[in-house]
């Protein structure tokens, strides 16, 4: 994921990464106005990506979110999130950024 973070930053976007969804939710509660896009991994410790997406949507319904998964049968995608399947290529990442974000150089 460090490579993706470097690509995102070199493309002119600010990034922030979380390895713990609880920390992400806590941070989002305070700083939700700083986010334009959440790229969420489906399989993570403590909760599934769909659950994290639902909690983020409760905080701010204007946040764009995409869900990255290696599974073909993702369930409980109640927000109808865009699904991106692994392996995620850099070209796909850049397309996602262009679709959901505006560069703030």
Protein backbone atom coordinates (compact mmCIF):
# COMPACT_ATOMS: atom_id res chain seq x y z
CA UNK A 1 0.00 0.00 0.00
CA UNK A 2 2.95 2.36 0.35
CA UNK A 3 3.34 2.32 -3.43
CA UNK A 4 -0.29 3.36 -3.85
CA UNK A 5 0.14 6.10 -1.27
CA UNK A 6 3.18 7.43 -3.17
CA UNK A 7 1.25 7.35 -6.46
CA UNK A 8 -1.67 9.21 -4.88
CA UNK A 9 0.60 11.89 -3.41
CA UNK A 10 2.61 12.27 -6.63
CA UNK A 11 -0.69 12.79 -8.44
CA UNK A 12 -1.40 15.83 -6.28
CA UNK A 13 -3.69 14.41 -3.64
CA UNK A 14 -3.29 14.39 0.12
CA UNK A 15 -3.51 10.95 1.71
CA UNK A 16 -4.11 9.44 5.08
CA UNK A 17 -4.08 5.74 5.83
CA UNK A 18 -5.55 3.75 8.68
CA UNK A 19 -4.81 0.17 9.63
CA UNK A 20 -7.47 0.12 12.34
CA UNK A 21 -11.08 0.86 11.35
CA UNK A 22 -11.97 2.06 14.86
CA UNK A 23 -9.24 4.71 14.67
CA UNK A 24 -10.51 5.69 11.20
CA UNK A 25 -14.04 6.17 12.55
CA UNK A 26 -12.80 8.20 15.53
CA UNK A 27 -10.72 10.43 13.25
CA UNK A 28 -13.58 10.76 10.79
CA UNK A 29 -15.92 11.92 13.58
CA UNK A 30 -13.67 14.91 14.18
CA UNK A 31 -12.23 15.62 10.72
CA UNK A 32 -14.88 14.44 8.24
CA UNK A 33 -14.61 17.68 6.27
CA UNK A 34 -11.03 16.77 5.28
CA UNK A 35 -12.03 13.68 3.27
CA UNK A 36 -13.31 13.40 -0.26
CA UNK A 37 -12.73 9.70 -0.85
CA UNK A 38 -12.33 6.60 1.28
CA UNK A 39 -10.79 3.56 -0.35
CA UNK A 40 -11.83 0.72 1.92
CA UNK A 41 -10.48 -2.81 1.95
CA UNK A 42 -13.25 -5.37 2.48
CA UNK A 43 -11.26 -7.82 4.62
CA UNK A 44 -9.72 -6.15 7.66
CA UNK A 45 -9.39 -6.80 11.37
CA UNK A 46 -12.23 -5.87 13.72
CA UNK A 47 -14.91 -5.33 11.03
CA UNK A 48 -15.69 -5.84 7.38
CA UNK A 49 -15.28 -3.00 4.92
CA UNK A 50 -19.04 -2.71 4.41
CA UNK A 51 -19.52 -2.12 8.12
CA UNK A 52 -16.85 0.59 8.09
CA UNK A 53 -18.49 2.20 5.06
CA UNK A 54 -21.86 2.24 6.84
CA UNK A 55 -20.30 3.92 9.89
CA UNK A 56 -18.58 6.52 7.70
CA UNK A 57 -21.87 7.21 5.89
CA UNK A 58 -23.55 7.81 9.26
CA UNK A 59 -20.99 10.54 9.92
CA UNK A 60 -21.05 12.16 6.47
CA UNK A 61 -23.23 11.08 3.56
CA UNK A 62 -21.21 13.17 1.08
CA UNK A 63 -18.02 11.11 1.35
CA UNK A 64 -17.20 9.07 -1.75
CA UNK A 65 -16.25 5.48 -0.98
CA UNK A 66 -15.05 2.52 -2.98
CA UNK A 67 -14.61 -0.99 -1.68
CA UNK A 68 -11.58 -3.07 -2.66
CA UNK A 69 -12.00 -6.83 -2.45
CA UNK A 70 -10.63 -10.09 -3.75
CA UNK A 71 -13.98 -11.81 -3.19
CA UNK A 72 -16.60 -12.29 -5.88
CA UNK A 73 -19.43 -12.63 -3.40
CA UNK A 74 -19.21 -9.51 -1.26
CA UNK A 75 -22.33 -9.33 0.85
CA UNK A 76 -24.04 -6.53 2.74
CA UNK A 77 -23.04 -3.80 0.35
CA UNK A 78 -26.07 -1.79 1.46
CA UNK A 79 -24.59 1.49 0.26
CA UNK A 80 -24.16 0.14 -3.28
CA UNK A 81 -20.49 1.04 -3.17
CA UNK A 82 -18.38 0.73 -6.26
CA UNK A 83 -16.48 -2.54 -6.00
CA UNK A 84 -12.89 -2.71 -7.17
CA UNK A 85 -11.42 -6.17 -7.42
CA UNK A 86 -7.89 -7.11 -6.42
CA UNK A 87 -5.29 -7.04 -7.65
CA UNK A 88 -5.71 -3.27 -7.89
CA UNK A 89 -3.51 -1.81 -10.59
CA UNK A 90 -2.02 1.69 -10.47
CA UNK A 91 -3.98 2.63 -13.60
CA UNK A 92 -7.23 1.64 -11.83
CA UNK A 93 -6.24 3.67 -8.77
CA UNK A 94 -5.64 6.74 -10.93
CA UNK A 95 -9.02 6.27 -12.65
CA UNK A 96 -10.72 6.12 -9.25
CA UNK A 97 -8.98 9.31 -8.14
CA UNK A 98 -9.98 11.16 -11.32
CA UNK A 99 -13.56 9.97 -11.00
CA UNK A 100 -14.06 10.99 -7.36
CA UNK A 101 -11.57 13.74 -6.60
CA UNK A 102 -10.34 17.07 -7.88
CA UNK A 103 -6.62 17.80 -7.70
CA UNK A 104 -5.72 20.40 -5.10
CA UNK A 105 -2.12 21.20 -6.01
